[in-house]
Protein backbone atom coordinates (compact mmCIF):
# COMPACT_ATOMS: atom_id res chain seq x y z
CA MET A 1 170.35 79.75 38.91
CA SER A 2 169.36 76.52 37.13
CA GLU A 3 167.06 75.68 40.05
CA ILE A 4 165.25 79.00 39.63
CA PHE A 5 164.66 78.26 35.91
CA GLU A 6 163.44 74.78 36.86
CA ASN A 7 160.93 76.29 39.27
CA LEU A 8 159.63 78.61 36.53
CA LYS A 9 158.26 75.58 34.72
CA THR A 10 155.51 75.30 37.34
CA GLU A 11 152.62 77.68 37.99
CA ARG A 12 153.60 77.99 41.64
CA GLY A 13 157.19 78.73 40.68
CA LYS A 14 156.11 81.63 38.45
CA LYS A 15 153.86 83.15 41.12
CA ILE A 16 156.55 82.82 43.77
CA LEU A 17 159.21 84.42 41.57
CA PHE A 18 157.05 87.42 40.62
CA SER A 19 155.92 87.86 44.20
CA MET A 20 159.50 87.80 45.46
CA LEU A 21 160.62 90.24 42.77
CA ALA A 22 157.86 92.70 43.67
CA LEU A 23 158.63 92.29 47.36
CA SER A 24 162.31 92.92 46.67
CA PHE A 25 161.50 96.17 44.85
CA SER A 26 159.19 97.25 47.67
CA THR A 27 161.87 96.53 50.26
CA ALA A 28 164.52 98.27 48.14
CA PHE A 29 162.52 101.51 48.28
CA LEU A 30 161.86 101.07 52.00
CA LEU A 31 165.57 100.58 52.67
CA ALA A 32 166.50 103.51 50.45
CA GLY A 33 164.26 105.65 52.64
CA TYR A 34 165.79 104.10 55.73
CA GLU A 35 169.31 104.93 54.56
CA PHE A 36 168.26 108.56 54.24
CA ILE A 37 166.70 108.51 57.70
CA ARG A 38 169.54 106.57 59.34
CA SER A 39 172.30 108.92 58.22
CA VAL A 40 170.19 112.02 58.84
CA SER A 41 169.00 111.00 62.31
CA GLU A 42 172.50 109.99 63.47
CA SER A 43 173.94 113.28 62.26
CA LEU A 44 171.12 115.41 63.73
CA LEU A 45 171.34 113.61 67.08
CA ILE A 46 175.06 114.37 67.31
CA HIS A 47 174.49 117.94 66.10
CA HIS A 48 171.77 118.77 68.63
CA TYR A 49 172.67 116.56 71.60
CA GLY A 50 176.25 115.27 71.15
CA ALA A 51 177.56 111.70 70.92
CA ALA A 52 177.81 111.48 74.71
CA ASN A 53 173.99 111.55 74.93
CA LYS A 54 173.40 108.85 72.33
CA PRO A 55 173.24 106.06 74.98
CA TYR A 56 170.36 107.96 76.60
CA ALA A 57 168.50 108.06 73.28
CA MET A 58 169.21 104.37 72.68
CA ALA A 59 167.91 103.54 76.16
CA MET A 60 164.56 105.11 75.24
CA VAL A 61 164.17 103.00 72.09
CA PRO A 62 162.59 99.92 73.80
CA PHE A 63 159.68 102.09 74.93
CA ALA A 64 159.11 103.30 71.39
CA MET A 65 159.43 99.71 70.15
CA ALA A 66 156.91 98.40 72.67
CA ALA A 67 154.34 101.00 71.64
CA CYS A 68 154.85 100.37 67.91
CA ILE A 69 154.75 96.57 68.21
CA TYR A 70 151.58 96.68 70.29
CA GLY A 71 150.01 98.95 67.69
CA TYR A 72 151.10 96.56 64.95
CA GLY A 73 149.64 93.59 66.85
CA ARG A 74 146.25 95.32 67.06
CA LEU A 75 146.42 96.22 63.36
CA LEU A 76 147.22 92.61 62.45
CA SER A 77 144.24 91.35 64.45
CA MET A 78 141.86 93.87 62.91
CA LEU A 79 143.08 94.07 59.30
CA GLY A 80 145.13 90.97 58.49
CA SER A 81 148.72 90.82 57.30
CA ARG A 82 148.33 92.66 53.96
CA LYS A 83 146.49 95.74 55.26
CA ALA A 84 148.61 95.85 58.43
CA PHE A 85 151.77 96.03 56.30
CA LEU A 86 150.38 98.70 53.96
CA SER A 87 149.10 100.73 56.92
CA SER A 88 152.51 100.55 58.62
CA ILE A 89 154.20 101.97 55.51
CA SER A 90 151.61 104.74 55.19
CA PHE A 91 151.90 105.73 58.85
CA SER A 92 155.69 105.95 58.56
CA MET A 93 155.39 108.16 55.49
CA ILE A 94 153.07 110.59 57.28
CA LEU A 95 155.38 110.82 60.30
CA PHE A 96 158.41 111.57 58.11
CA VAL A 97 156.57 114.52 56.59
CA ILE A 98 155.77 115.79 60.10
CA PHE A 99 159.40 115.38 61.21
CA PHE A 100 160.61 117.20 58.10
CA ILE A 101 158.32 120.18 58.73
CA GLY A 102 159.23 120.28 62.44
CA LEU A 103 162.99 120.20 61.89
CA LYS A 104 162.83 122.72 59.07
CA ASN A 105 161.12 125.05 61.53
CA GLY A 106 163.82 124.54 64.15
CA TYR A 107 162.07 122.23 66.64
CA LYS A 108 165.10 120.53 68.23
CA PRO A 109 163.15 117.71 70.03
CA PHE A 110 162.08 116.39 66.63
CA ALA A 111 165.68 115.22 66.10
CA PHE A 112 165.36 113.06 69.21
CA LEU A 113 161.93 111.75 68.18
CA LEU A 114 163.17 111.03 64.65
CA TYR A 115 165.99 108.92 66.08
CA LEU A 116 163.55 106.93 68.25
CA PHE A 117 161.14 106.31 65.39
CA LYS A 118 164.01 105.42 63.03
CA GLU A 119 165.05 102.66 65.39
CA ALA A 120 161.51 101.27 65.67
CA TYR A 121 159.76 101.55 62.32
CA ILE A 122 162.24 99.79 60.05
CA VAL A 123 162.61 96.58 62.06
CA ILE A 124 158.83 96.24 62.37
CA LEU A 125 158.44 96.67 58.61
CA ILE A 126 161.30 94.29 57.82
CA GLU A 127 159.94 91.60 60.13
CA GLN A 128 156.55 91.88 58.43
CA ILE A 129 158.30 91.33 55.11
CA TRP A 130 160.08 88.23 56.42
CA SER A 131 156.86 86.97 58.00
CA PHE A 132 155.33 87.07 54.52
CA VAL A 133 158.36 85.35 52.96
CA ASN A 134 158.43 82.64 55.62
CA SER A 135 154.70 82.04 55.13
CA ILE A 136 154.72 81.45 51.38
CA LEU A 137 158.11 79.81 50.78
CA LYS A 138 159.05 76.22 51.49
CA THR A 139 162.38 75.53 53.18
CA SER A 140 164.01 74.44 49.90
CA GLU A 141 162.73 77.60 48.19
CA ALA A 142 163.97 79.78 51.04
CA LYS A 143 167.51 78.44 50.68
CA LEU A 144 167.30 79.35 47.00
CA TYR A 145 165.65 82.76 47.23
CA ASN A 146 166.58 84.31 50.60
CA GLY A 147 170.03 85.48 49.56
CA PRO A 148 168.96 87.03 46.21
CA ILE A 149 165.88 88.60 47.84
CA ILE A 150 168.08 90.46 50.31
CA GLY A 151 170.55 91.24 47.54
CA MET A 152 167.94 92.99 45.40
CA THR A 153 166.79 95.08 48.34
CA THR A 154 170.34 96.23 49.01
CA LEU A 155 170.40 98.12 45.70
CA GLY A 156 168.09 100.71 47.24
CA SER A 157 170.39 101.14 50.22
CA ILE A 158 173.47 101.47 48.02
CA ALA A 159 171.83 104.12 45.82
CA ALA A 160 170.62 106.10 48.84
CA GLY A 161 174.01 105.93 50.52
CA PHE A 162 175.66 107.23 47.35
CA LEU A 163 173.22 110.15 47.13
CA ILE A 164 173.74 111.12 50.77
CA ALA A 165 177.51 110.91 50.53
CA ARG A 166 177.53 113.07 47.41
CA TYR A 167 174.77 115.59 48.05
CA ALA A 168 174.28 115.97 51.83
CA VAL A 169 176.46 119.08 52.01
CA LYS A 170 174.86 120.63 48.93
CA PHE A 171 171.18 119.98 49.69
CA SER A 172 171.23 120.03 53.53
CA THR A 173 170.62 117.14 55.89
CA GLU A 174 166.93 117.77 56.70
CA ASN A 175 165.76 117.56 53.07
CA PHE A 176 166.56 113.86 52.97
CA ILE A 177 163.75 113.23 55.47
CA LEU A 178 161.26 114.31 52.82
CA ALA A 179 163.05 112.09 50.30
CA ALA A 180 162.50 109.14 52.67
CA ALA A 181 158.76 109.89 52.74
CA ILE A 182 158.66 109.89 48.93
CA MET A 183 160.35 106.47 48.84
CA MET A 184 157.31 105.04 50.65
CA ILE A 185 155.03 105.56 47.63
CA PRO A 186 156.63 102.97 45.28
CA ALA A 187 157.18 100.73 48.31
CA LEU A 188 153.40 100.66 48.82
CA ILE A 189 152.71 99.87 45.16
CA PHE A 190 155.17 96.96 44.94
CA ALA A 191 154.03 95.55 48.29
CA GLN A 192 150.48 95.36 46.94
CA ILE A 193 151.74 93.53 43.84
CA ALA A 194 153.73 91.07 45.98
CA TYR A 195 150.65 90.15 47.99
CA ASN A 196 148.51 89.87 44.84
CA LYS A 197 150.95 87.39 43.31
CA GLY A 198 151.93 85.43 46.43
CA GLY A 199 148.60 85.46 48.23
CA GLU A 200 147.85 86.70 51.72
CA PRO A 201 148.84 84.30 54.53
CA VAL A 202 145.88 83.59 56.79
CA PRO A 203 145.78 82.41 60.40
CA SER A 204 144.11 79.22 61.57
CA LYS A 205 140.64 79.47 63.11
CA GLU A 206 142.22 79.25 66.57
CA GLU A 207 144.55 82.19 65.77
CA SER A 208 142.09 84.36 63.82
CA GLY A 209 141.61 87.92 65.06
CA GLY A 210 144.35 87.60 67.65
CA ALA A 211 142.34 85.07 69.65
CA LYS A 212 145.53 83.74 71.28
CA GLY A 213 146.82 87.23 72.04
CA HIS A 214 147.87 90.18 69.91
CA LEU A 215 151.56 89.69 70.72
CA GLY A 216 151.88 85.89 70.79
CA LEU A 217 153.78 85.87 74.08
CA ASN A 218 152.49 82.41 75.01
CA ILE A 219 154.47 80.96 72.09
CA PHE A 220 157.76 81.54 73.91
CA ARG A 221 156.73 78.96 76.53
CA GLU A 222 155.80 76.45 73.85
CA ASN A 223 158.54 76.89 71.27
CA LYS A 224 162.17 76.64 72.44
CA THR A 225 163.55 77.58 69.03
CA VAL A 226 161.85 80.98 69.12
CA MET A 227 163.08 81.53 72.67
CA TYR A 228 166.67 80.78 71.63
CA ILE A 229 166.32 83.04 68.59
CA ALA A 230 165.31 85.87 70.94
CA LEU A 231 168.37 85.20 73.12
CA VAL A 232 170.67 85.15 70.09
CA ILE A 233 169.17 88.40 68.80
CA PHE A 234 169.70 89.94 72.23
CA SER A 235 173.38 88.95 72.15
CA THR A 236 173.88 90.12 68.57
CA GLN A 237 172.54 93.54 69.37
CA VAL A 238 174.66 93.95 72.49
CA VAL A 239 177.61 93.37 70.17
CA SER A 240 176.11 95.76 67.63
CA ALA A 241 175.49 98.49 70.23
CA LEU A 242 179.06 98.26 71.50
CA MET A 243 180.42 98.60 67.97
CA ASP A 244 177.95 101.38 67.16
CA LEU A 245 178.80 103.51 70.20
CA ARG A 246 182.54 103.08 69.76
CA PHE A 247 182.22 103.96 66.08
CA THR A 248 180.06 107.05 66.84
CA HIS A 249 182.54 108.45 69.34
CA LEU A 250 185.42 108.00 66.91
CA VAL A 251 183.41 109.68 64.11
CA GLN A 252 182.65 112.65 66.37
CA ASP A 253 186.35 113.00 67.24
CA ALA A 254 187.53 112.72 63.64
CA ILE A 255 184.89 114.66 61.65
CA VAL A 256 183.59 118.15 62.43
CA GLY A 257 180.34 119.57 61.01
CA LYS A 258 176.76 118.27 60.68
CA ASP A 259 176.65 117.93 56.89
CA LEU A 260 180.18 116.47 56.67
CA ARG A 261 179.20 113.80 59.22
CA THR A 262 176.00 113.10 57.27
CA ALA A 263 178.09 112.62 54.12
CA TYR A 264 180.52 110.34 55.98
CA PHE A 265 177.68 108.22 57.39
CA GLY A 266 176.11 108.01 53.94
CA GLY A 267 179.37 106.82 52.41
CA PHE A 268 179.94 104.35 55.23
CA TRP A 269 176.50 102.77 54.89
CA MET A 270 176.92 102.62 51.14
CA LYS A 271 180.09 100.55 51.66
CA VAL A 272 178.23 98.34 54.14
CA ASN A 273 175.52 97.67 51.59
CA VAL A 274 177.98 97.00 48.77
CA PHE A 275 179.65 94.38 50.97
CA ALA A 276 176.25 92.94 51.91
CA PHE A 277 175.21 92.91 48.24
CA ILE A 278 178.26 90.87 47.28
CA MET A 279 177.59 88.50 50.16
CA GLN A 280 173.92 88.11 49.27
CA PHE A 281 174.29 87.32 45.59
CA LEU A 282 177.64 85.56 45.33
CA ILE A 283 178.38 83.97 48.68
CA THR A 284 175.18 83.46 50.70
CA PRO A 285 173.38 81.13 48.22
CA LEU A 286 176.50 78.96 47.98
CA ILE A 287 177.04 78.81 51.74
CA MET A 288 173.33 78.13 52.39
CA LYS A 289 173.50 75.19 49.98
CA LYS A 290 176.79 73.71 51.19
CA VAL A 291 177.02 74.56 54.91
CA SER A 292 174.69 73.65 57.78
CA ILE A 293 172.72 76.37 59.57
CA ARG A 294 174.51 75.48 62.82
CA VAL A 295 177.99 76.04 61.38
CA ILE A 296 176.90 79.37 59.87
CA GLN A 297 175.32 80.63 63.08
CA VAL A 298 178.28 79.61 65.24
CA ALA A 299 180.95 80.97 62.90
CA ILE A 300 179.55 84.51 62.66
CA PRO A 301 180.05 85.57 66.31
CA LEU A 302 183.56 84.11 66.25
CA ILE A 303 184.39 86.49 63.38
CA HIS A 304 183.18 89.44 65.47
CA CYS A 305 185.24 88.25 68.42
CA VAL A 306 188.35 88.51 66.25
CA ASN A 307 187.33 92.01 65.13
CA PHE A 308 187.00 93.19 68.73
CA ILE A 309 190.48 91.86 69.46
CA VAL A 310 191.84 93.87 66.52
CA LEU A 311 189.96 96.97 67.73
CA PHE A 312 191.43 96.45 71.19
CA VAL A 313 194.94 96.54 69.72
CA TYR A 314 194.24 99.33 67.19
CA PRO A 315 191.59 101.74 68.63
CA GLN A 316 191.23 103.86 65.49
CA LEU A 317 188.27 104.99 63.34
CA ALA A 318 189.38 102.92 60.34
CA PHE A 319 189.38 99.68 62.36
CA ALA A 320 186.12 100.55 64.13
CA ALA A 321 184.50 101.28 60.76
CA CYS A 322 185.81 98.00 59.35
CA ALA A 323 184.52 95.96 62.32
CA PHE A 324 181.11 97.65 62.18
CA LEU A 325 180.96 97.20 58.38
CA ILE A 326 181.66 93.47 58.67
CA PHE A 327 179.07 93.10 61.44
CA LYS A 328 176.33 94.84 59.47
CA GLY A 329 177.28 93.17 56.19
CA LEU A 330 177.04 89.69 57.70
CA ASP A 331 173.91 90.63 59.64
CA TYR A 332 172.17 91.80 56.46
CA SER A 333 173.14 88.71 54.49
CA ILE A 334 174.13 85.26 55.70
CA PHE A 335 173.00 85.70 59.31
CA ARG A 336 169.52 86.86 58.33
CA ALA A 337 169.09 84.44 55.42
CA SER A 338 170.02 81.40 57.52
CA LYS A 339 168.09 82.46 60.64
CA GLU A 340 164.85 83.01 58.74
CA THR A 341 164.70 79.37 57.63
CA LEU A 342 164.08 78.41 61.26
CA TYR A 343 160.65 80.09 61.19
CA ILE A 344 159.24 78.38 58.11
CA PRO A 345 157.68 75.27 59.78
CA PHE A 346 155.92 77.29 62.49
CA SER A 347 152.39 78.65 62.89
CA TYR A 348 150.96 81.97 61.63
CA ASP A 349 151.10 83.53 65.09
CA THR A 350 154.72 82.44 65.47
CA ARG A 351 155.70 83.97 62.13
CA TYR A 352 153.65 87.16 62.45
CA ARG A 353 153.37 87.87 66.19
CA ALA A 354 156.05 86.07 68.22
CA LYS A 355 158.59 86.94 65.52
CA GLN A 356 158.03 90.66 66.17
CA ILE A 357 158.93 90.11 69.83
CA ALA A 358 161.81 87.68 69.23
CA ASP A 359 163.37 89.65 66.38
CA ALA A 360 162.13 93.25 66.30
CA PHE A 361 161.57 94.08 69.98
CA THR A 362 164.54 92.07 71.27
CA TYR A 363 166.66 93.64 68.52
CA ARG A 364 166.05 97.16 69.81
CA PHE A 365 165.56 96.30 73.48
CA SER A 366 169.03 94.79 73.59
CA LYS A 367 170.62 97.92 72.14
CA GLY A 368 168.62 100.08 74.54
CA PHE A 369 169.53 97.91 77.52
CA THR A 370 173.21 98.04 76.55
CA ALA A 371 173.06 101.79 76.12
CA PHE A 372 171.34 102.23 79.49
CA CYS A 373 174.06 100.18 81.21
CA ILE A 374 176.77 102.21 79.51
CA PHE A 375 174.99 105.45 80.37
CA ALA A 376 174.77 104.35 84.02
CA ILE A 377 178.43 103.29 84.17
CA SER A 378 179.56 106.52 82.52
CA SER A 379 177.86 108.46 85.34
CA PHE A 380 180.49 107.10 87.73
CA THR A 381 183.56 106.67 85.57
CA ILE A 382 185.00 107.38 82.13
CA ILE A 383 184.42 104.58 79.64
CA GLY A 384 187.31 104.05 77.26
CA GLY A 385 187.90 101.96 74.18
CA VAL A 386 189.13 99.00 76.23
CA PHE A 387 185.68 98.60 77.79
CA TYR A 388 183.96 98.31 74.41
CA ALA A 389 186.50 95.77 73.14
CA VAL A 390 186.42 93.51 76.22
CA ALA A 391 182.61 93.63 76.49
CA GLY A 392 182.36 92.85 72.77
CA ILE A 393 184.58 89.78 73.11
CA LEU A 394 182.51 88.57 76.09
CA PHE A 395 179.13 88.89 74.37
CA SER A 396 180.43 87.41 71.13
CA GLY A 397 181.30 84.33 73.21
CA ILE A 398 177.81 84.24 74.78
CA TRP A 399 176.26 84.55 71.33
CA THR A 400 178.34 81.59 70.12
CA ALA A 401 177.17 79.44 73.04
CA ILE A 402 173.46 80.19 72.49
CA ALA A 403 173.73 79.47 68.76
CA PHE A 404 174.20 75.76 69.52
CA PRO A 405 170.80 75.07 71.15
CA MET A 406 169.07 77.47 68.72
CA THR A 407 170.19 75.32 65.79
CA LYS A 408 169.46 71.98 67.40
CA LYS A 409 167.93 69.77 64.73
CA ARG A 410 164.13 69.79 64.79
CA GLY A 411 162.68 67.97 61.82
CA GLU A 412 163.19 69.56 58.43
CA ILE A 413 164.12 73.06 59.50
CA LEU A 414 167.87 72.48 59.47
CA LYS A 415 168.17 70.11 56.58
């Protein structure tokens, strides 16, 4: 805290603080809307299609991601980072209104489309936010601010989770889609303030207008760190998908009724965000200051490996929920805060284009790939809890191995 007050003595420090505060408020509203959409879409998917068909829906997500990221890349080339971000928020808001109207009028396929868009839109928006953060903060500032930035944003998720858990049965699941659209309005306002205070990152002349490609794919050949980040993200989301699917099946078995499941999901994600909030404000800044990025990135998958072992021994909803809660809580806090520091020294195209592929697309592609494999296997045999536990232990080990070369010291980025 004393370092933050020290930074406020400089003009740059004041601008950075106000920009980060505005960005945190913008992200808090975005994540509040996402919590509404996440719980609603999960519940509606189970209600209309059943948990057994969720792997099929997850397998379709990479196609939705590819289309959205390509559209974002074109927007970035044409409009720049500020207008591309504001346009992405506005487009999401319009689609939520359309989904709300469609589902209120009984169009079942809209539940499937809502799930696909839910998986795509939020990671693209979040990566744009982190691209902005990584462009205006120095490495020392990132270690100071990254944890509290995420912590502030979690307040929106906690509030939304509380509202869903308490009012889903009373107000009906579909109405929260409209609430998510409304959350986009203050998100737009605070995003504009954040850019006004922090300034808009600009590409070099060689990168201007997407001259090196709208997606930045060539960067993966040139930058090993980004390639390893993509591989780590792939592994993390295999682990996440395995936990997610196991958790979903156990929820379906234990809880009957669309609105009751929506309430349960809302309460669960509220607990996840409370845990993440505690991590972000109290623990992450301390760990980031005292522990190397390598130790952090290697320790996290080992924790998940232990959780899968516990789930193997005790295949119950409470243990599945606990394992999934820990995964998401760490993912939203110390994993994200430490990983983002690796991007700071890199070019505009790396932060704004290659990052969308390495983080956003790989994030969802991995889950879709995992779901497709599970869907294919389930066509021939019954998949039980043992499969999820053993596969989770295996991929947690792979994740641990890749974390070593990803965090190999390269100049200042790991100091």
